[in-house]
């Protein structure tokens, strides 16, 4: 019964757990291992079963090729293609963004890195690729362009 000033009733603690559905992970009686090799080969069948471990094998992520997208400053996509046959310095890199300026005579300087990938070798590789590999200055009309490259 609730006392004056008490909002909720006190309930006694329930210290019982239904063991009907709990598997006995690692509680089997085992003999002492002979050496370190025996210890290493005999592992617990599910060491983190109570902490959300799932027995479903994880899928491997399919490798993806680099993708380049060139947009005008108005947002029109001019070039969008996958760079599948390109040998990259590393497979895992963050998307990067360049600003390229093209005049009537071609690309003005090198493309300006706006957002880097976090790896200088990847940034330098794509800067050279834009200028010398796909030759942006020859393919685009005079103007300023946003170039996004991602994995």
C-alpha atoms as a PDB file:
ATOM      1  CA  UNK A   1       0.000   0.000   0.000  1.00  0.00           C
ATOM      2  CA  UNK A   2       1.321   3.466  -0.895  1.00  0.00           C
ATOM      3  CA  UNK A   3       2.271   5.744   1.966  1.00  0.00           C
ATOM      4  CA  UNK A   4       1.488   9.491   1.974  1.00  0.00           C
ATOM      5  CA  UNK A   5       3.959  11.332  -0.317  1.00  0.00           C
ATOM      6  CA  UNK A   6       4.935   8.114  -2.080  1.00  0.00           C
ATOM      7  CA  UNK A   7       4.097   7.979  -5.795  1.00  0.00           C
ATOM      8  CA  UNK A   8       4.993   4.397  -6.689  1.00  0.00           C
ATOM      9  CA  UNK A   9       4.597   1.217  -4.695  1.00  0.00           C
ATOM     10  CA  UNK A  10       7.690  -0.706  -3.615  1.00  0.00           C
ATOM     11  CA  UNK A  11       7.994  -4.035  -5.363  1.00  0.00           C
ATOM     12  CA  UNK A  12      10.186  -6.844  -4.069  1.00  0.00           C
ATOM     13  CA  UNK A  13      13.265  -7.752  -6.157  1.00  0.00           C
ATOM     14  CA  UNK A  14      12.891 -10.655  -8.571  1.00  0.00           C
ATOM     15  CA  UNK A  15      16.266 -12.421  -8.459  1.00  0.00           C
ATOM     16  CA  UNK A  16      15.310 -15.439 -10.557  1.00  0.00           C
ATOM     17  CA  UNK A  17      16.259 -15.955 -14.213  1.00  0.00           C
ATOM     18  CA  UNK A  18      14.541 -18.530 -16.361  1.00  0.00           C
ATOM     19  CA  UNK A  19      17.352 -20.798 -17.552  1.00  0.00           C
ATOM     20  CA  UNK A  20      15.280 -22.792 -20.013  1.00  0.00           C
ATOM     21  CA  UNK A  21      16.547 -20.989 -23.126  1.00  0.00           C
ATOM     22  CA  UNK A  22      20.107 -20.133 -22.097  1.00  0.00           C
ATOM     23  CA  UNK A  23      22.788 -22.232 -23.822  1.00  0.00           C
ATOM     24  CA  UNK A  24      25.744 -23.313 -21.744  1.00  0.00           C
ATOM     25  CA  UNK A  25      28.624 -21.634 -23.551  1.00  0.00           C
ATOM     26  CA  UNK A  26      31.953 -22.854 -22.256  1.00  0.00           C
ATOM     27  CA  UNK A  27      30.588 -24.397 -19.050  1.00  0.00           C
ATOM     28  CA  UNK A  28      31.393 -27.958 -20.097  1.00  0.00           C
ATOM     29  CA  UNK A  29      33.973 -29.823 -18.065  1.00  0.00           C
ATOM     30  CA  UNK A  30      37.258 -29.902 -19.982  1.00  0.00           C
ATOM     31  CA  UNK A  31      40.594 -31.489 -19.381  1.00  0.00           C
ATOM     32  CA  UNK A  32      43.572 -29.261 -18.778  1.00  0.00           C
ATOM     33  CA  UNK A  33      45.416 -28.399 -22.009  1.00  0.00           C
ATOM     34  CA  UNK A  34      48.850 -29.927 -22.575  1.00  0.00           C
ATOM     35  CA  UNK A  35      50.474 -26.896 -24.169  1.00  0.00           C
ATOM     36  CA  UNK A  36      49.936 -23.469 -25.634  1.00  0.00           C
ATOM     37  CA  UNK A  37      48.860 -24.917 -28.978  1.00  0.00           C
ATOM     38  CA  UNK A  38      46.008 -26.749 -27.279  1.00  0.00           C
ATOM     39  CA  UNK A  39      44.912 -23.560 -25.568  1.00  0.00           C
ATOM     40  CA  UNK A  40      44.914 -21.644 -28.851  1.00  0.00           C
ATOM     41  CA  UNK A  41      43.061 -24.320 -30.840  1.00  0.00           C
ATOM     42  CA  UNK A  42      40.392 -24.830 -28.197  1.00  0.00           C
ATOM     43  CA  UNK A  43      38.367 -21.646 -28.290  1.00  0.00           C
ATOM     44  CA  UNK A  44      35.045 -20.789 -26.793  1.00  0.00           C
ATOM     45  CA  UNK A  45      32.378 -21.451 -29.409  1.00  0.00           C
ATOM     46  CA  UNK A  46      30.769 -18.016 -28.976  1.00  0.00           C
ATOM     47  CA  UNK A  47      32.759 -15.757 -26.634  1.00  0.00           C
ATOM     48  CA  UNK A  48      30.489 -12.727 -27.057  1.00  0.00           C
ATOM     49  CA  UNK A  49      27.138 -14.486 -27.437  1.00  0.00           C
ATOM     50  CA  UNK A  50      25.535 -12.528 -24.618  1.00  0.00           C
ATOM     51  CA  UNK A  51      26.750  -9.182 -25.976  1.00  0.00           C
ATOM     52  CA  UNK A  52      24.955  -9.195 -29.318  1.00  0.00           C
ATOM     53  CA  UNK A  53      27.260 -11.482 -31.293  1.00  0.00           C
ATOM     54  CA  UNK A  54      25.532 -12.961 -34.302  1.00  0.00           C
ATOM     55  CA  UNK A  55      26.559 -16.217 -35.959  1.00  0.00           C
ATOM     56  CA  UNK A  56      25.762 -14.889 -39.458  1.00  0.00           C
ATOM     57  CA  UNK A  57      28.919 -14.452 -41.540  1.00  0.00           C
ATOM     58  CA  UNK A  58      29.526 -10.891 -42.705  1.00  0.00           C
ATOM     59  CA  UNK A  59      29.321 -10.135 -46.428  1.00  0.00           C
ATOM     60  CA  UNK A  60      32.433  -8.851 -48.120  1.00  0.00           C
ATOM     61  CA  UNK A  61      32.158  -5.441 -49.680  1.00  0.00           C
ATOM     62  CA  UNK A  62      32.487  -5.517 -53.449  1.00  0.00           C
ATOM     63  CA  UNK A  63      35.413  -3.477 -54.768  1.00  0.00           C
ATOM     64  CA  UNK A  64      34.386  -0.290 -56.522  1.00  0.00           C
ATOM     65  CA  UNK A  65      36.157   1.712 -59.176  1.00  0.00           C
ATOM     66  CA  UNK A  66      36.842   5.416 -58.867  1.00  0.00           C
ATOM     67  CA  UNK A  67      34.159   7.662 -60.327  1.00  0.00           C
ATOM     68  CA  UNK A  68      34.638  11.147 -61.744  1.00  0.00           C
ATOM     69  CA  UNK A  69      31.973  13.792 -62.216  1.00  0.00           C
ATOM     70  CA  UNK A  70      32.609  17.173 -63.848  1.00  0.00           C
ATOM     71  CA  UNK A  71      29.946  19.857 -63.355  1.00  0.00           C
ATOM     72  CA  UNK A  72      29.651  23.418 -64.521  1.00  0.00           C
ATOM     73  CA  UNK A  73      29.165  26.025 -61.799  1.00  0.00           C
ATOM     74  CA  UNK A  74      25.459  26.094 -62.702  1.00  0.00           C
ATOM     75  CA  UNK A  75      25.225  22.401 -61.708  1.00  0.00           C
ATOM     76  CA  UNK A  76      24.999  20.803 -65.143  1.00  0.00           C
ATOM     77  CA  UNK A  77      26.801  17.448 -65.277  1.00  0.00           C
ATOM     78  CA  UNK A  78      29.137  17.433 -68.263  1.00  0.00           C
ATOM     79  CA  UNK A  79      31.261  14.331 -67.668  1.00  0.00           C
ATOM     80  CA  UNK A  80      30.320  11.369 -65.476  1.00  0.00           C
ATOM     81  CA  UNK A  81      32.229   8.129 -65.851  1.00  0.00           C
ATOM     82  CA  UNK A  82      33.788   5.286 -63.908  1.00  0.00           C
ATOM     83  CA  UNK A  83      37.558   4.983 -63.955  1.00  0.00           C
ATOM     84  CA  UNK A  84      37.711   1.183 -63.873  1.00  0.00           C
ATOM     85  CA  UNK A  85      40.966   0.561 -65.766  1.00  0.00           C
ATOM     86  CA  UNK A  86      42.885   3.164 -63.768  1.00  0.00           C
ATOM     87  CA  UNK A  87      45.610   1.974 -61.364  1.00  0.00           C
ATOM     88  CA  UNK A  88      45.143   4.016 -58.190  1.00  0.00           C
ATOM     89  CA  UNK A  89      47.823   4.638 -55.537  1.00  0.00           C
ATOM     90  CA  UNK A  90      45.437   3.209 -52.929  1.00  0.00           C
ATOM     91  CA  UNK A  91      41.973   1.669 -53.091  1.00  0.00           C
ATOM     92  CA  UNK A  92      40.519   3.355 -50.010  1.00  0.00           C
ATOM     93  CA  UNK A  93      40.304   7.121 -50.104  1.00  0.00           C
ATOM     94  CA  UNK A  94      37.782   9.774 -49.207  1.00  0.00           C
ATOM     95  CA  UNK A  95      36.009  11.642 -52.013  1.00  0.00           C
ATOM     96  CA  UNK A  96      37.893  14.691 -53.216  1.00  0.00           C
ATOM     97  CA  UNK A  97      36.915  17.848 -55.058  1.00  0.00           C
ATOM     98  CA  UNK A  98      38.799  20.107 -57.450  1.00  0.00           C
ATOM     99  CA  UNK A  99      38.070  23.454 -59.053  1.00  0.00           C
ATOM    100  CA  UNK A 100      39.282  23.636 -62.652  1.00  0.00           C
ATOM    101  CA  UNK A 101      39.400  26.786 -64.760  1.00  0.00           C
ATOM    102  CA  UNK A 102      39.491  26.464 -68.532  1.00  0.00           C
ATOM    103  CA  UNK A 103      40.299  29.300 -70.945  1.00  0.00           C
ATOM    104  CA  UNK A 104      40.198  29.385 -74.751  1.00  0.00           C
ATOM    105  CA  UNK A 105      43.763  28.057 -74.816  1.00  0.00           C
ATOM    106  CA  UNK A 106      43.083  25.158 -72.371  1.00  0.00           C
ATOM    107  CA  UNK A 107      43.390  24.424 -68.676  1.00  0.00           C
ATOM    108  CA  UNK A 108      44.578  27.407 -66.608  1.00  0.00           C
ATOM    109  CA  UNK A 109      47.267  26.070 -64.272  1.00  0.00           C
ATOM    110  CA  UNK A 110      46.615  22.924 -62.287  1.00  0.00           C
ATOM    111  CA  UNK A 111      43.208  22.051 -60.869  1.00  0.00           C
ATOM    112  CA  UNK A 112      42.800  23.586 -57.404  1.00  0.00           C
ATOM    113  CA  UNK A 113      42.181  21.096 -54.598  1.00  0.00           C
ATOM    114  CA  UNK A 114      39.088  22.205 -52.663  1.00  0.00           C
ATOM    115  CA  UNK A 115      38.462  19.128 -50.487  1.00  0.00           C
ATOM    116  CA  UNK A 116      41.244  16.564 -50.162  1.00  0.00           C
ATOM    117  CA  UNK A 117      41.063  12.832 -49.695  1.00  0.00           C
ATOM    118  CA  UNK A 118      43.329  12.833 -46.664  1.00  0.00           C
ATOM    119  CA  UNK A 119      46.185  11.236 -48.621  1.00  0.00           C
ATOM    120  CA  UNK A 120      48.631  13.420 -50.526  1.00  0.00           C
ATOM    121  CA  UNK A 121      49.539  10.671 -52.997  1.00  0.00           C
ATOM    122  CA  UNK A 122      45.884  10.284 -54.027  1.00  0.00           C
ATOM    123  CA  UNK A 123      45.379  14.068 -54.293  1.00  0.00           C
ATOM    124  CA  UNK A 124      48.487  14.509 -56.445  1.00  0.00           C
ATOM    125  CA  UNK A 125      47.621  11.494 -58.602  1.00  0.00           C
ATOM    126  CA  UNK A 126      44.179  12.856 -59.497  1.00  0.00           C
ATOM    127  CA  UNK A 127      45.473  16.406 -59.993  1.00  0.00           C
ATOM    128  CA  UNK A 128      47.902  15.064 -62.612  1.00  0.00           C
ATOM    129  CA  UNK A 129      45.242  12.763 -64.069  1.00  0.00           C
ATOM    130  CA  UNK A 130      42.827  15.652 -64.642  1.00  0.00           C
ATOM    131  CA  UNK A 131      45.456  17.760 -66.394  1.00  0.00           C
ATOM    132  CA  UNK A 132      47.336  15.091 -68.348  1.00  0.00           C
ATOM    133  CA  UNK A 133      45.186  11.939 -68.300  1.00  0.00           C
ATOM    134  CA  UNK A 134      41.734  13.017 -69.443  1.00  0.00           C
ATOM    135  CA  UNK A 135      42.900  16.490 -70.571  1.00  0.00           C
ATOM    136  CA  UNK A 136      40.054  18.583 -69.191  1.00  0.00           C
ATOM    137  CA  UNK A 137      41.324  21.696 -70.975  1.00  0.00           C
ATOM    138  CA  UNK A 138      40.727  20.087 -74.371  1.00  0.00           C
ATOM    139  CA  UNK A 139      37.284  18.628 -73.610  1.00  0.00           C
ATOM    140  CA  UNK A 140      35.602  21.585 -71.924  1.00  0.00           C
ATOM    141  CA  UNK A 141      34.529  25.012 -73.081  1.00  0.00           C
ATOM    142  CA  UNK A 142      36.027  28.065 -71.330  1.00  0.00           C
ATOM    143  CA  UNK A 143      34.676  28.500 -67.793  1.00  0.00           C
ATOM    144  CA  UNK A 144      35.000  27.240 -64.225  1.00  0.00           C
ATOM    145  CA  UNK A 145      34.155  23.639 -63.331  1.00  0.00           C
ATOM    146  CA  UNK A 146      33.682  21.562 -60.203  1.00  0.00           C
ATOM    147  CA  UNK A 147      35.303  18.126 -60.383  1.00  0.00           C
ATOM    148  CA  UNK A 148      34.305  15.469 -57.821  1.00  0.00           C
ATOM    149  CA  UNK A 149      36.143  12.147 -57.615  1.00  0.00           C
ATOM    150  CA  UNK A 150      35.118   9.378 -55.288  1.00  0.00           C
ATOM    151  CA  UNK A 151      35.520   5.659 -54.728  1.00  0.00           C
END
